[in-house]
Amino acid sequence: MTSEIKIKLHELGIDLNKPAMPAGNYVPVLVIKDMVYVSGQLPLVNGNIQLTGQVGASVTIEEAKEQARLCAIAILRQVASVSDDLENVERVVKLGGFVVSTSDFTEQPKVIDAASEIMVKIFGDSGKHTRFAVGVSALPLGAVVEIDAVFQLKT
């Protein structure tokens, strides 16, 4: 029997293939009791960053939103690796979004909304979460967006 989550993932074109390996000396995902902590995820495509620059200068809000969507998928891959392919997720607790942007750009929340929308589409009301979205001057590998997350598992 196909689960509702698998159907939603398929409808959104999301594949939970192998999660990315860490780019440094840390773990990408950590489970403590019923909580899952996901390290910042980058918008990698085949292991590479496809877009660099600053939102408000060389990168549009729409382009940055696609980068946030890729980060959300990377988060889901990490969570899937410790939660029976997302079947044991109770709720999304928090997303933290970092957006490389010019000093006068103030619409970081619009960029990170793309990741938040994916969580709600997949998990419904359980996908609604707390969040922050901030502008930064640079991110690892020249990425435009990086997002970390906290999830709660079913007990």
N, C-alpha and C. Protein backbone atom coordinates (compact mmCIF):
# COMPACT_ATOMS: atom_id res chain seq x y z
N MET A 1 0.85 -1.19 0.00
CA MET A 1 0.00 0.00 0.00
C MET A 1 0.89 1.25 0.00
N THR A 2 0.55 2.20 -0.84
CA THR A 2 1.32 3.43 -0.94
C THR A 2 0.82 4.43 0.10
N SER A 3 1.73 5.02 0.83
CA SER A 3 1.36 5.96 1.88
C SER A 3 1.00 7.32 1.28
N GLU A 4 0.27 8.10 2.05
CA GLU A 4 -0.11 9.45 1.64
C GLU A 4 1.13 10.32 1.42
N ILE A 5 2.14 10.16 2.27
CA ILE A 5 3.38 10.94 2.12
C ILE A 5 4.07 10.59 0.81
N LYS A 6 4.15 9.30 0.48
CA LYS A 6 4.79 8.90 -0.78
C LYS A 6 4.04 9.46 -1.98
N ILE A 7 2.72 9.49 -1.90
CA ILE A 7 1.91 10.06 -2.99
C ILE A 7 2.23 11.55 -3.14
N LYS A 8 2.27 12.28 -2.02
CA LYS A 8 2.56 13.71 -2.08
C LYS A 8 3.96 13.97 -2.62
N LEU A 9 4.93 13.17 -2.20
CA LEU A 9 6.29 13.32 -2.71
C LEU A 9 6.32 13.12 -4.22
N HIS A 10 5.61 12.08 -4.68
CA HIS A 10 5.56 11.79 -6.12
C HIS A 10 4.91 12.94 -6.88
N GLU A 11 3.80 13.48 -6.34
CA GLU A 11 3.11 14.60 -6.99
C GLU A 11 4.00 15.83 -7.10
N LEU A 12 4.87 16.03 -6.10
CA LEU A 12 5.77 17.18 -6.10
C LEU A 12 7.08 16.91 -6.84
N GLY A 13 7.25 15.68 -7.32
CA GLY A 13 8.46 15.34 -8.05
C GLY A 13 9.68 15.25 -7.16
N ILE A 14 9.46 14.85 -5.90
CA ILE A 14 10.57 14.78 -4.95
C ILE A 14 11.00 13.34 -4.77
N ASP A 15 12.28 13.10 -4.98
CA ASP A 15 12.89 11.79 -4.82
C ASP A 15 13.74 11.82 -3.56
N LEU A 16 13.53 10.87 -2.68
CA LEU A 16 14.29 10.83 -1.43
C LEU A 16 15.53 9.96 -1.57
N ASN A 17 16.25 10.12 -2.68
CA ASN A 17 17.47 9.34 -2.87
C ASN A 17 18.49 9.69 -1.80
N LYS A 18 19.65 9.17 -1.93
CA LYS A 18 20.69 9.30 -0.92
C LYS A 18 20.94 10.75 -0.48
N PRO A 19 20.89 11.01 0.83
CA PRO A 19 21.16 12.36 1.33
C PRO A 19 22.63 12.75 1.13
N ALA A 20 22.86 14.06 1.09
CA ALA A 20 24.21 14.59 0.91
C ALA A 20 25.08 14.29 2.13
N MET A 21 26.34 14.09 1.89
CA MET A 21 27.31 13.89 2.97
C MET A 21 27.73 15.26 3.51
N PRO A 22 28.15 15.33 4.76
CA PRO A 22 28.55 16.62 5.32
C PRO A 22 29.79 17.18 4.62
N ALA A 23 29.85 18.51 4.57
CA ALA A 23 30.97 19.19 3.92
C ALA A 23 32.07 19.54 4.92
N GLY A 24 31.95 19.05 6.15
CA GLY A 24 32.94 19.35 7.18
C GLY A 24 32.87 18.33 8.30
N ASN A 25 33.40 18.72 9.45
CA ASN A 25 33.49 17.83 10.59
C ASN A 25 32.24 17.96 11.48
N TYR A 26 31.13 17.44 10.99
CA TYR A 26 29.85 17.47 11.72
C TYR A 26 28.97 16.36 11.17
N VAL A 27 27.88 16.09 11.85
CA VAL A 27 26.92 15.10 11.34
C VAL A 27 25.77 15.85 10.66
N PRO A 28 25.26 15.32 9.55
CA PRO A 28 24.20 16.01 8.83
C PRO A 28 22.84 15.91 9.51
N VAL A 29 22.63 14.86 10.29
CA VAL A 29 21.36 14.67 10.97
C VAL A 29 21.62 13.95 12.28
N LEU A 30 20.92 14.39 13.33
CA LEU A 30 21.12 13.82 14.66
C LEU A 30 19.75 13.61 15.31
N VAL A 31 19.54 12.40 15.83
CA VAL A 31 18.29 12.09 16.52
C VAL A 31 18.56 12.00 18.01
N ILE A 32 17.80 12.75 18.80
CA ILE A 32 17.85 12.69 20.26
C ILE A 32 16.42 12.47 20.73
N LYS A 33 16.19 11.28 21.27
CA LYS A 33 14.84 10.86 21.67
C LYS A 33 13.90 10.99 20.48
N ASP A 34 12.90 11.87 20.56
CA ASP A 34 11.95 12.00 19.46
C ASP A 34 12.22 13.23 18.59
N MET A 35 13.37 13.85 18.77
CA MET A 35 13.69 15.06 18.00
C MET A 35 14.78 14.77 16.95
N VAL A 36 14.61 15.36 15.79
CA VAL A 36 15.57 15.22 14.70
C VAL A 36 16.12 16.61 14.38
N TYR A 37 17.42 16.75 14.45
CA TYR A 37 18.10 18.01 14.16
C TYR A 37 18.86 17.84 12.85
N VAL A 38 18.56 18.67 11.89
CA VAL A 38 19.19 18.59 10.57
C VAL A 38 20.12 19.79 10.41
N SER A 39 21.39 19.50 10.15
CA SER A 39 22.36 20.56 9.88
C SER A 39 21.95 21.33 8.64
N GLY A 40 22.51 22.52 8.49
CA GLY A 40 22.20 23.34 7.33
C GLY A 40 22.41 22.57 6.03
N GLN A 41 21.41 22.62 5.17
CA GLN A 41 21.46 21.92 3.89
C GLN A 41 21.57 22.94 2.76
N LEU A 42 22.41 22.62 1.81
CA LEU A 42 22.64 23.49 0.66
C LEU A 42 21.84 22.99 -0.54
N PRO A 43 21.61 23.86 -1.52
CA PRO A 43 20.85 23.47 -2.72
C PRO A 43 21.72 22.75 -3.74
N LEU A 44 22.16 21.57 -3.38
CA LEU A 44 23.05 20.81 -4.25
C LEU A 44 22.25 20.05 -5.32
N VAL A 45 22.78 20.05 -6.54
CA VAL A 45 22.25 19.25 -7.64
C VAL A 45 23.40 18.41 -8.14
N ASN A 46 23.27 17.10 -7.99
CA ASN A 46 24.36 16.19 -8.35
C ASN A 46 25.67 16.58 -7.66
N GLY A 47 25.55 17.01 -6.41
CA GLY A 47 26.72 17.36 -5.60
C GLY A 47 27.30 18.73 -5.86
N ASN A 48 26.65 19.53 -6.68
CA ASN A 48 27.19 20.84 -7.04
C ASN A 48 26.19 21.96 -6.78
N ILE A 49 26.72 23.14 -6.50
CA ILE A 49 25.92 24.36 -6.40
C ILE A 49 25.73 24.87 -7.83
N GLN A 50 24.48 25.09 -8.22
CA GLN A 50 24.18 25.52 -9.59
C GLN A 50 24.06 27.03 -9.75
N LEU A 51 23.83 27.75 -8.63
CA LEU A 51 23.60 29.19 -8.71
C LEU A 51 24.34 29.88 -7.59
N THR A 52 25.06 30.94 -7.93
CA THR A 52 25.74 31.76 -6.93
C THR A 52 25.35 33.21 -7.17
N GLY A 53 25.65 34.05 -6.21
CA GLY A 53 25.36 35.47 -6.33
C GLY A 53 24.59 35.97 -5.13
N GLN A 54 24.01 37.15 -5.26
CA GLN A 54 23.26 37.78 -4.18
C GLN A 54 21.84 38.08 -4.64
N VAL A 55 20.87 37.75 -3.76
CA VAL A 55 19.50 38.15 -4.03
C VAL A 55 19.44 39.67 -3.86
N GLY A 56 18.80 40.33 -4.78
CA GLY A 56 18.77 41.79 -4.77
C GLY A 56 19.79 42.37 -5.72
N ALA A 57 20.65 41.52 -6.27
CA ALA A 57 21.65 41.96 -7.26
C ALA A 57 21.54 41.02 -8.46
N SER A 58 22.35 39.97 -8.49
CA SER A 58 22.39 39.07 -9.65
C SER A 58 21.41 37.90 -9.58
N VAL A 59 20.74 37.71 -8.44
CA VAL A 59 19.81 36.58 -8.26
C VAL A 59 18.42 37.14 -7.97
N THR A 60 17.42 36.63 -8.69
CA THR A 60 16.03 37.07 -8.47
C THR A 60 15.42 36.33 -7.28
N ILE A 61 14.32 36.86 -6.79
CA ILE A 61 13.59 36.17 -5.71
C ILE A 61 13.14 34.80 -6.19
N GLU A 62 12.65 34.70 -7.41
CA GLU A 62 12.18 33.40 -7.93
C GLU A 62 13.33 32.39 -8.02
N GLU A 63 14.49 32.84 -8.45
CA GLU A 63 15.65 31.93 -8.50
C GLU A 63 16.03 31.48 -7.10
N ALA A 64 16.01 32.40 -6.15
CA ALA A 64 16.35 32.06 -4.77
C ALA A 64 15.32 31.11 -4.16
N LYS A 65 14.06 31.29 -4.51
CA LYS A 65 13.01 30.38 -4.01
C LYS A 65 13.26 28.95 -4.50
N GLU A 66 13.71 28.81 -5.72
CA GLU A 66 14.04 27.47 -6.23
C GLU A 66 15.21 26.88 -5.43
N GLN A 67 16.17 27.71 -5.05
CA GLN A 67 17.28 27.24 -4.22
C GLN A 67 16.76 26.79 -2.85
N ALA A 68 15.81 27.53 -2.29
CA ALA A 68 15.20 27.15 -1.00
C ALA A 68 14.45 25.83 -1.14
N ARG A 69 13.79 25.64 -2.27
CA ARG A 69 13.08 24.38 -2.52
C ARG A 69 14.08 23.21 -2.53
N LEU A 70 15.22 23.41 -3.18
CA LEU A 70 16.25 22.36 -3.21
C LEU A 70 16.78 22.07 -1.81
N CYS A 71 16.92 23.11 -0.98
CA CYS A 71 17.35 22.91 0.40
C CYS A 71 16.30 22.09 1.16
N ALA A 72 15.03 22.39 0.95
CA ALA A 72 13.96 21.65 1.62
C ALA A 72 14.00 20.18 1.24
N ILE A 73 14.25 19.89 -0.02
CA ILE A 73 14.35 18.50 -0.46
C ILE A 73 15.55 17.82 0.20
N ALA A 74 16.66 18.53 0.31
CA ALA A 74 17.84 17.98 0.99
C ALA A 74 17.52 17.69 2.45
N ILE A 75 16.77 18.57 3.10
CA ILE A 75 16.35 18.34 4.49
C ILE A 75 15.50 17.08 4.57
N LEU A 76 14.53 16.96 3.67
CA LEU A 76 13.66 15.78 3.68
C LEU A 76 14.46 14.49 3.49
N ARG A 77 15.48 14.53 2.65
CA ARG A 77 16.33 13.35 2.46
C ARG A 77 17.05 12.96 3.75
N GLN A 78 17.54 13.96 4.47
CA GLN A 78 18.20 13.68 5.74
C GLN A 78 17.22 13.08 6.74
N VAL A 79 16.04 13.68 6.85
CA VAL A 79 15.03 13.20 7.80
C VAL A 79 14.55 11.81 7.40
N ALA A 80 14.37 11.57 6.11
CA ALA A 80 13.93 10.26 5.64
C ALA A 80 14.90 9.16 6.04
N SER A 81 16.18 9.51 6.10
CA SER A 81 17.20 8.51 6.44
C SER A 81 17.10 8.02 7.88
N VAL A 82 16.37 8.75 8.72
CA VAL A 82 16.25 8.35 10.14
C VAL A 82 14.79 8.16 10.57
N SER A 83 13.85 8.19 9.61
CA SER A 83 12.43 8.16 10.00
C SER A 83 11.58 7.26 9.11
N ASP A 84 12.14 6.17 8.62
CA ASP A 84 11.38 5.26 7.77
C ASP A 84 10.76 6.02 6.59
N ASP A 85 11.61 6.71 5.84
CA ASP A 85 11.17 7.48 4.67
C ASP A 85 10.04 8.45 4.99
N LEU A 86 10.18 9.16 6.10
CA LEU A 86 9.27 10.21 6.58
C LEU A 86 7.99 9.68 7.22
N GLU A 87 7.82 8.36 7.24
CA GLU A 87 6.58 7.79 7.79
C GLU A 87 6.46 8.03 9.30
N ASN A 88 7.57 8.21 10.00
CA ASN A 88 7.53 8.40 11.45
C ASN A 88 7.61 9.87 11.87
N VAL A 89 7.45 10.79 10.94
CA VAL A 89 7.49 12.21 11.29
C VAL A 89 6.17 12.61 11.95
N GLU A 90 6.28 13.16 13.14
CA GLU A 90 5.12 13.69 13.85
C GLU A 90 4.81 15.10 13.37
N ARG A 91 5.88 15.93 13.30
CA ARG A 91 5.68 17.31 12.84
C ARG A 91 7.02 17.98 12.51
N VAL A 92 6.92 19.02 11.71
CA VAL A 92 8.05 19.89 11.44
C VAL A 92 8.01 20.94 12.55
N VAL A 93 9.11 21.12 13.26
CA VAL A 93 9.15 22.04 14.39
C VAL A 93 9.66 23.41 13.96
N LYS A 94 10.78 23.43 13.22
CA LYS A 94 11.41 24.71 12.91
C LYS A 94 12.27 24.61 11.66
N LEU A 95 12.27 25.69 10.87
CA LEU A 95 13.22 25.87 9.78
C LEU A 95 13.99 27.15 10.04
N GLY A 96 15.28 27.12 9.74
CA GLY A 96 16.11 28.32 9.85
C GLY A 96 16.73 28.60 8.49
N GLY A 97 16.42 29.76 7.92
CA GLY A 97 16.86 30.06 6.57
C GLY A 97 17.86 31.19 6.49
N PHE A 98 18.90 30.97 5.72
CA PHE A 98 19.94 31.96 5.46
C PHE A 98 19.95 32.26 3.96
N VAL A 99 19.91 33.55 3.62
CA VAL A 99 19.84 33.96 2.22
C VAL A 99 20.95 34.97 1.96
N VAL A 100 21.81 34.68 0.99
CA VAL A 100 22.84 35.64 0.61
C VAL A 100 22.13 36.76 -0.15
N SER A 101 22.23 37.96 0.40
CA SER A 101 21.49 39.07 -0.19
C SER A 101 22.23 40.39 0.02
N THR A 102 21.82 41.36 -0.78
CA THR A 102 22.39 42.70 -0.65
C THR A 102 21.92 43.31 0.67
N SER A 103 22.63 44.33 1.12
CA SER A 103 22.30 44.92 2.43
C SER A 103 20.94 45.61 2.45
N ASP A 104 20.42 45.98 1.29
CA ASP A 104 19.11 46.63 1.27
C ASP A 104 17.96 45.68 0.94
N PHE A 105 18.25 44.41 0.70
CA PHE A 105 17.21 43.42 0.42
C PHE A 105 16.59 42.96 1.74
N THR A 106 15.27 43.01 1.84
CA THR A 106 14.60 42.67 3.11
C THR A 106 13.51 41.62 2.94
N GLU A 107 13.51 40.91 1.83
CA GLU A 107 12.44 39.94 1.59
C GLU A 107 12.90 38.49 1.73
N GLN A 108 13.84 38.26 2.63
CA GLN A 108 14.30 36.89 2.89
C GLN A 108 13.15 35.94 3.24
N PRO A 109 12.13 36.39 4.00
CA PRO A 109 11.02 35.47 4.29
C PRO A 109 10.32 34.94 3.04
N LYS A 110 10.22 35.76 1.99
CA LYS A 110 9.60 35.29 0.74
C LYS A 110 10.41 34.16 0.12
N VAL A 111 11.73 34.24 0.24
CA VAL A 111 12.59 33.20 -0.30
C VAL A 111 12.38 31.90 0.47
N ILE A 112 12.43 31.96 1.77
CA ILE A 112 12.32 30.74 2.60
C ILE A 112 10.90 30.18 2.59
N ASP A 113 9.92 31.00 2.21
CA ASP A 113 8.55 30.49 2.07
C ASP A 113 8.49 29.27 1.15
N ALA A 114 9.35 29.21 0.14
CA ALA A 114 9.34 28.07 -0.78
C ALA A 114 9.61 26.77 -0.05
N ALA A 115 10.50 26.79 0.93
CA ALA A 115 10.78 25.59 1.74
C ALA A 115 9.61 25.29 2.68
N SER A 116 9.08 26.34 3.30
CA SER A 116 7.95 26.16 4.21
C SER A 116 6.75 25.56 3.49
N GLU A 117 6.51 26.01 2.27
CA GLU A 117 5.38 25.50 1.49
C GLU A 117 5.50 24.00 1.23
N ILE A 118 6.70 23.54 0.96
CA ILE A 118 6.90 22.10 0.74
C ILE A 118 6.55 21.31 1.99
N MET A 119 6.98 21.80 3.14
CA MET A 119 6.69 21.09 4.39
C MET A 119 5.18 20.97 4.63
N VAL A 120 4.45 22.04 4.34
CA VAL A 120 3.00 22.02 4.55
C VAL A 120 2.32 21.14 3.50
N LYS A 121 2.79 21.17 2.26
CA LYS A 121 2.22 20.30 1.23
C LYS A 121 2.38 18.83 1.57
N ILE A 122 3.51 18.48 2.16
CA ILE A 122 3.76 17.07 2.47
C ILE A 122 3.11 16.63 3.78
N PHE A 123 3.23 17.46 4.82
CA PHE A 123 2.78 17.05 6.14
C PHE A 123 1.47 17.71 6.60
N GLY A 124 0.88 18.55 5.78
CA GLY A 124 -0.37 19.22 6.16
C GLY A 124 -0.14 20.12 7.37
N ASP A 125 -1.11 20.13 8.29
CA ASP A 125 -0.99 20.99 9.48
C ASP A 125 0.26 20.65 10.30
N SER A 126 0.69 19.40 10.25
CA SER A 126 1.91 19.01 10.98
C SER A 126 3.18 19.58 10.34
N GLY A 127 3.04 20.13 9.14
CA GLY A 127 4.17 20.76 8.47
C GLY A 127 4.33 22.23 8.80
N LYS A 128 3.32 22.81 9.49
CA LYS A 128 3.42 24.21 9.91
C LYS A 128 4.43 24.30 11.04
N HIS A 129 5.32 25.29 10.99
CA HIS A 129 6.48 25.30 11.87
C HIS A 129 6.87 26.73 12.25
N THR A 130 7.75 26.82 13.23
CA THR A 130 8.37 28.09 13.54
C THR A 130 9.52 28.28 12.55
N ARG A 131 10.01 29.53 12.45
CA ARG A 131 11.00 29.77 11.41
C ARG A 131 11.73 31.08 11.62
N PHE A 132 12.92 31.16 11.07
CA PHE A 132 13.58 32.45 10.88
C PHE A 132 14.14 32.49 9.47
N ALA A 133 14.31 33.71 8.96
CA ALA A 133 14.89 33.93 7.64
C ALA A 133 15.74 35.19 7.73
N VAL A 134 17.02 35.05 7.51
CA VAL A 134 17.93 36.18 7.65
C VAL A 134 18.82 36.32 6.41
N GLY A 135 19.29 37.53 6.20
CA GLY A 135 20.23 37.80 5.13
C GLY A 135 21.65 37.68 5.63
N VAL A 136 22.52 37.12 4.80
CA VAL A 136 23.94 36.95 5.15
C VAL A 136 24.80 37.37 3.96
N SER A 137 26.07 37.58 4.23
CA SER A 137 26.97 38.03 3.16
C SER A 137 27.53 36.89 2.33
N ALA A 138 27.64 35.69 2.90
CA ALA A 138 28.19 34.55 2.15
C ALA A 138 27.78 33.25 2.82
N LEU A 139 27.74 32.18 2.02
CA LEU A 139 27.43 30.83 2.52
C LEU A 139 28.43 29.85 1.93
N PRO A 140 28.55 28.66 2.51
CA PRO A 140 29.50 27.67 2.01
C PRO A 140 29.30 27.38 0.51
N LEU A 141 30.39 27.17 -0.16
CA LEU A 141 30.44 26.81 -1.58
C LEU A 141 29.80 27.86 -2.49
N GLY A 142 29.55 29.06 -1.97
CA GLY A 142 28.93 30.10 -2.77
C GLY A 142 27.42 29.98 -2.91
N ALA A 143 26.81 29.11 -2.13
CA ALA A 143 25.36 28.91 -2.21
C ALA A 143 24.61 30.20 -1.92
N VAL A 144 23.42 30.32 -2.49
CA VAL A 144 22.56 31.48 -2.27
C VAL A 144 21.69 31.28 -1.03
N VAL A 145 21.33 30.02 -0.73
CA VAL A 145 20.44 29.70 0.39
C VAL A 145 21.00 28.49 1.15
N GLU A 146 20.81 28.52 2.46
CA GLU A 146 21.09 27.36 3.32
C GLU A 146 19.97 27.31 4.36
N ILE A 147 19.47 26.10 4.63
CA ILE A 147 18.38 25.94 5.59
C ILE A 147 18.67 24.78 6.51
N ASP A 148 18.44 25.00 7.82
CA ASP A 148 18.52 23.90 8.78
C ASP A 148 17.11 23.63 9.29
N ALA A 149 16.96 22.54 10.08
CA ALA A 149 15.60 22.17 10.49
C ALA A 149 15.60 21.35 11.76
N VAL A 150 14.43 21.35 12.41
CA VAL A 150 14.15 20.49 13.56
C VAL A 150 12.81 19.83 13.30
N PHE A 151 12.76 18.51 13.48
CA PHE A 151 11.54 17.73 13.31
C PHE A 151 11.27 16.95 14.59
N GLN A 152 10.04 16.52 14.78
CA GLN A 152 9.69 15.64 15.89
C GLN A 152 9.19 14.33 15.29
N LEU A 153 9.62 13.22 15.86
CA LEU A 153 9.19 11.90 15.42
C LEU A 153 8.04 11.39 16.27
N LYS A 154 7.27 10.49 15.71
CA LYS A 154 6.21 9.82 16.47
C LYS A 154 6.85 8.92 17.52
N THR A 155 6.22 8.86 18.70
CA THR A 155 6.77 7.98 19.75
C THR A 155 5.90 6.78 19.95
